[in-house]
Amino acid sequence: MNTRAEGNDVSTDGWMVLGRPPLTWLRTCPVGSDLVITLVGEADLAVEQDLKRALAAGVDARPRILVLDVGELFVDVRGLAALSATWHHGRGRGVEVVLARPSSLLRRMGRMMFSDGRLTAHETVGEALGQTHRTVGSPGHPPRSQ
């Protein structure tokens, strides 16, 4: 069963759908005073504005650290623009925005766009949260299309 929230479908298990096919799925998971947003699918022109709004809401929740888990996300230049906007929004609000599990392509794109090292990338969500000895629960996967 799905409900509507701010123009996006939200499934009952917490995954928010952004855009139209191909879809991007988004799920938030608070971890203490931090927030993990897991993104699955594609971050491109088709979802850029919805993605910017959803990630801005994560920043506006004022976590200490906002971890963007992008391990299962394809990011093109428009998706990178959304990540950049999120970093800038976080900086303006005192929220540290970091990436977890970026692909090698996203790492290279990020190094070009953030050549001064402003955007930090980590191998795991736990590492991004500074939790090397504590396991962070997996947010699971989005529901399958029917």
C-alpha atoms as a PDB file:
ATOM      1  CA  MET A   1       0.000   0.000   0.000  1.00  0.00           C
ATOM      2  CA  ASN A   2       1.276   3.471  -0.874  1.00  0.00           C
ATOM      3  CA  THR A   3       0.393   6.919   0.395  1.00  0.00           C
ATOM      4  CA  ARG A   4       1.217  10.355  -1.000  1.00  0.00           C
ATOM      5  CA  ALA A   5       3.653  12.702   0.744  1.00  0.00           C
ATOM      6  CA  GLU A   6       4.773  16.014  -0.741  1.00  0.00           C
ATOM      7  CA  GLY A   7       4.056  14.824  -4.275  1.00  0.00           C
ATOM      8  CA  ASN A   8       6.022  11.575  -3.973  1.00  0.00           C
ATOM      9  CA  ASP A   9       4.767   8.057  -3.344  1.00  0.00           C
ATOM     10  CA  VAL A  10       5.809   6.594  -0.001  1.00  0.00           C
ATOM     11  CA  SER A  11       5.501   2.863   0.507  1.00  0.00           C
ATOM     12  CA  THR A  12       4.468   1.576   3.908  1.00  0.00           C
ATOM     13  CA  ASP A  13       7.957   0.192   4.566  1.00  0.00           C
ATOM     14  CA  GLY A  14       9.469   3.693   4.427  1.00  0.00           C
ATOM     15  CA  TRP A  15      10.874   3.948   0.908  1.00  0.00           C
ATOM     16  CA  MET A  16      10.039   7.160  -0.961  1.00  0.00           C
ATOM     17  CA  VAL A  17       9.823   7.067  -4.763  1.00  0.00           C
ATOM     18  CA  LEU A  18      11.288  10.006  -6.674  1.00  0.00           C
ATOM     19  CA  GLY A  19      10.464  10.623 -10.330  1.00  0.00           C
ATOM     20  CA  ARG A  20       9.018   8.299 -12.906  1.00  0.00           C
ATOM     21  CA  PRO A  21      10.694   5.199 -14.343  1.00  0.00           C
ATOM     22  CA  PRO A  22      13.557   4.760 -14.090  1.00  0.00           C
ATOM     23  CA  LEU A  23      12.881   5.300 -10.420  1.00  0.00           C
ATOM     24  CA  THR A  24      15.008   6.528  -7.588  1.00  0.00           C
ATOM     25  CA  TRP A  25      14.186   5.173  -4.146  1.00  0.00           C
ATOM     26  CA  LEU A  26      15.054   7.086  -0.977  1.00  0.00           C
ATOM     27  CA  ARG A  27      14.905   6.011   2.669  1.00  0.00           C
ATOM     28  CA  THR A  28      15.930   7.867   5.813  1.00  0.00           C
ATOM     29  CA  CYS A  29      17.246   6.203   8.943  1.00  0.00           C
ATOM     30  CA  PRO A  30      18.107   8.204  12.075  1.00  0.00           C
ATOM     31  CA  VAL A  31      21.178   6.930  13.939  1.00  0.00           C
ATOM     32  CA  GLY A  32      21.478   8.823  17.217  1.00  0.00           C
ATOM     33  CA  SER A  33      22.000  12.495  16.344  1.00  0.00           C
ATOM     34  CA  ASP A  34      22.978  11.569  12.766  1.00  0.00           C
ATOM     35  CA  LEU A  35      20.853  10.758   9.719  1.00  0.00           C
ATOM     36  CA  VAL A  36      21.511   8.206   6.968  1.00  0.00           C
ATOM     37  CA  ILE A  37      19.732   8.629   3.647  1.00  0.00           C
ATOM     38  CA  THR A  38      20.006   5.589   1.407  1.00  0.00           C
ATOM     39  CA  LEU A  39      19.500   6.163  -2.314  1.00  0.00           C
ATOM     40  CA  VAL A  40      18.864   3.370  -4.813  1.00  0.00           C
ATOM     41  CA  GLY A  41      18.406   3.779  -8.565  1.00  0.00           C
ATOM     42  CA  GLU A  42      19.398   6.716 -10.741  1.00  0.00           C
ATOM     43  CA  ALA A  43      20.118  10.341  -9.894  1.00  0.00           C
ATOM     44  CA  ASP A  44      19.730  12.214 -13.151  1.00  0.00           C
ATOM     45  CA  LEU A  45      17.812  15.072 -14.741  1.00  0.00           C
ATOM     46  CA  ALA A  46      14.491  13.240 -14.347  1.00  0.00           C
ATOM     47  CA  VAL A  47      14.718  13.283 -10.533  1.00  0.00           C
ATOM     48  CA  GLU A  48      17.125  16.162  -9.858  1.00  0.00           C
ATOM     49  CA  GLN A  49      14.590  18.619  -8.408  1.00  0.00           C
ATOM     50  CA  ASP A  50      12.774  15.991  -6.310  1.00  0.00           C
ATOM     51  CA  LEU A  51      16.135  14.708  -5.084  1.00  0.00           C
ATOM     52  CA  LYS A  52      17.303  18.201  -4.126  1.00  0.00           C
ATOM     53  CA  ARG A  53      14.101  18.778  -2.129  1.00  0.00           C
ATOM     54  CA  ALA A  54      14.287  15.401  -0.371  1.00  0.00           C
ATOM     55  CA  LEU A  55      17.967  15.821   0.544  1.00  0.00           C
ATOM     56  CA  ALA A  56      17.361  19.421   1.682  1.00  0.00           C
ATOM     57  CA  ALA A  57      14.715  18.065   4.068  1.00  0.00           C
ATOM     58  CA  GLY A  58      17.391  15.754   5.483  1.00  0.00           C
ATOM     59  CA  VAL A  59      19.676  18.731   6.074  1.00  0.00           C
ATOM     60  CA  ASP A  60      16.800  20.737   7.566  1.00  0.00           C
ATOM     61  CA  ALA A  61      16.316  17.981  10.180  1.00  0.00           C
ATOM     62  CA  ARG A  62      19.670  19.288  11.523  1.00  0.00           C
ATOM     63  CA  PRO A  63      21.542  16.021  12.098  1.00  0.00           C
ATOM     64  CA  ARG A  64      25.141  16.238  13.274  1.00  0.00           C
ATOM     65  CA  ILE A  65      26.180  14.239  10.194  1.00  0.00           C
ATOM     66  CA  LEU A  66      24.070  13.541   7.110  1.00  0.00           C
ATOM     67  CA  VAL A  67      25.342  10.373   5.453  1.00  0.00           C
ATOM     68  CA  LEU A  68      24.266   9.831   1.857  1.00  0.00           C
ATOM     69  CA  ASP A  69      24.537   6.086   1.190  1.00  0.00           C
ATOM     70  CA  VAL A  70      25.030   6.032  -2.582  1.00  0.00           C
ATOM     71  CA  GLY A  71      26.338   2.483  -3.026  1.00  0.00           C
ATOM     72  CA  GLU A  72      23.399   1.484  -5.216  1.00  0.00           C
ATOM     73  CA  LEU A  73      22.922   4.776  -7.024  1.00  0.00           C
ATOM     74  CA  PHE A  74      23.934   5.693 -10.571  1.00  0.00           C
ATOM     75  CA  VAL A  75      24.809   9.390 -10.627  1.00  0.00           C
ATOM     76  CA  ASP A  76      25.183  11.535 -13.734  1.00  0.00           C
ATOM     77  CA  VAL A  77      26.184  15.207 -13.791  1.00  0.00           C
ATOM     78  CA  ARG A  78      22.668  16.335 -12.753  1.00  0.00           C
ATOM     79  CA  GLY A  79      22.709  13.919  -9.834  1.00  0.00           C
ATOM     80  CA  LEU A  80      26.119  15.253  -8.866  1.00  0.00           C
ATOM     81  CA  ALA A  81      24.627  18.760  -8.962  1.00  0.00           C
ATOM     82  CA  ALA A  82      21.956  17.607  -6.486  1.00  0.00           C
ATOM     83  CA  LEU A  83      24.653  16.176  -4.184  1.00  0.00           C
ATOM     84  CA  SER A  84      26.622  19.421  -4.469  1.00  0.00           C
ATOM     85  CA  ALA A  85      23.528  21.483  -3.610  1.00  0.00           C
ATOM     86  CA  THR A  86      22.990  19.264  -0.566  1.00  0.00           C
ATOM     87  CA  TRP A  87      26.582  19.785   0.582  1.00  0.00           C
ATOM     88  CA  HIS A  88      26.221  23.575   0.233  1.00  0.00           C
ATOM     89  CA  HIS A  89      22.856  23.542   2.023  1.00  0.00           C
ATOM     90  CA  GLY A  90      24.400  21.495   4.847  1.00  0.00           C
ATOM     91  CA  ARG A  91      27.381  23.807   5.122  1.00  0.00           C
ATOM     92  CA  GLY A  92      25.052  26.772   5.518  1.00  0.00           C
ATOM     93  CA  ARG A  93      23.207  25.011   8.348  1.00  0.00           C
ATOM     94  CA  GLY A  94      26.193  23.503  10.162  1.00  0.00           C
ATOM     95  CA  VAL A  95      25.460  19.947   8.990  1.00  0.00           C
ATOM     96  CA  GLU A  96      28.348  17.783   7.797  1.00  0.00           C
ATOM     97  CA  VAL A  97      27.284  15.995   4.594  1.00  0.00           C
ATOM     98  CA  VAL A  98      29.323  12.910   3.659  1.00  0.00           C
ATOM     99  CA  LEU A  99      29.038  10.079   1.131  1.00  0.00           C
ATOM    100  CA  ALA A 100      29.105   6.386   1.955  1.00  0.00           C
ATOM    101  CA  ARG A 101      29.868   3.602  -0.545  1.00  0.00           C
ATOM    102  CA  PRO A 102      30.322   5.802  -3.632  1.00  0.00           C
ATOM    103  CA  SER A 103      31.240   4.059  -6.885  1.00  0.00           C
ATOM    104  CA  SER A 104      34.664   4.668  -8.352  1.00  0.00           C
ATOM    105  CA  LEU A 105      33.011   6.832 -11.046  1.00  0.00           C
ATOM    106  CA  LEU A 106      31.246   8.961  -8.438  1.00  0.00           C
ATOM    107  CA  ARG A 107      34.523   9.305  -6.502  1.00  0.00           C
ATOM    108  CA  ARG A 108      36.264  10.566  -9.646  1.00  0.00           C
ATOM    109  CA  MET A 109      33.421  12.963 -10.466  1.00  0.00           C
ATOM    110  CA  GLY A 110      33.436  14.201  -6.877  1.00  0.00           C
ATOM    111  CA  ARG A 111      37.212  14.785  -6.921  1.00  0.00           C
ATOM    112  CA  MET A 112      36.798  16.933 -10.034  1.00  0.00           C
ATOM    113  CA  MET A 113      33.900  18.935  -8.634  1.00  0.00           C
ATOM    114  CA  PHE A 114      35.270  19.139  -5.084  1.00  0.00           C
ATOM    115  CA  SER A 115      38.990  19.324  -5.832  1.00  0.00           C
ATOM    116  CA  ASP A 116      39.620  20.944  -2.448  1.00  0.00           C
ATOM    117  CA  GLY A 117      38.386  17.820  -0.634  1.00  0.00           C
ATOM    118  CA  ARG A 118      35.250  19.450   0.790  1.00  0.00           C
ATOM    119  CA  LEU A 119      33.045  16.395   0.193  1.00  0.00           C
ATOM    120  CA  THR A 120      34.197  13.391   2.187  1.00  0.00           C
ATOM    121  CA  ALA A 121      33.623   9.833   0.953  1.00  0.00           C
ATOM    122  CA  HIS A 122      33.736   6.679   3.104  1.00  0.00           C
ATOM    123  CA  GLU A 123      33.803   2.972   2.270  1.00  0.00           C
ATOM    124  CA  THR A 124      30.907   2.127   4.615  1.00  0.00           C
ATOM    125  CA  VAL A 125      28.042   3.847   6.395  1.00  0.00           C
ATOM    126  CA  GLY A 126      29.575   2.868   9.743  1.00  0.00           C
ATOM    127  CA  GLU A 127      32.867   4.489   8.786  1.00  0.00           C
ATOM    128  CA  ALA A 128      31.027   7.627   7.703  1.00  0.00           C
ATOM    129  CA  LEU A 129      29.389   7.767  11.122  1.00  0.00           C
ATOM    130  CA  GLY A 130      32.717   7.141  12.842  1.00  0.00           C
ATOM    131  CA  GLN A 131      31.492   3.798  14.131  1.00  0.00           C
ATOM    132  CA  THR A 132      34.261   1.347  13.320  1.00  0.00           C
ATOM    133  CA  HIS A 133      33.234  -1.127  16.045  1.00  0.00           C
ATOM    134  CA  ARG A 134      29.454  -0.759  15.940  1.00  0.00           C
ATOM    135  CA  THR A 135      27.274  -2.221  13.232  1.00  0.00           C
ATOM    136  CA  VAL A 136      24.754   0.117  11.680  1.00  0.00           C
ATOM    137  CA  GLY A 137      21.557  -1.646  10.673  1.00  0.00           C
ATOM    138  CA  SER A 138      20.949  -2.122   6.978  1.00  0.00           C
ATOM    139  CA  PRO A 139      18.036  -0.073   5.696  1.00  0.00           C
ATOM    140  CA  GLY A 140      17.042  -2.941   3.393  1.00  0.00           C
ATOM    141  CA  HIS A 141      16.024  -2.618  -0.235  1.00  0.00           C
ATOM    142  CA  PRO A 142      13.103  -0.888  -1.920  1.00  0.00           C
ATOM    143  CA  PRO A 143      10.059  -2.958  -2.773  1.00  0.00           C
ATOM    144  CA  ARG A 144      10.072  -4.691  -6.136  1.00  0.00           C
ATOM    145  CA  SER A 145       7.904  -3.297  -8.906  1.00  0.00           C
ATOM    146  CA  GLN A 146       4.782  -5.296  -9.561  1.00  0.00           C
END
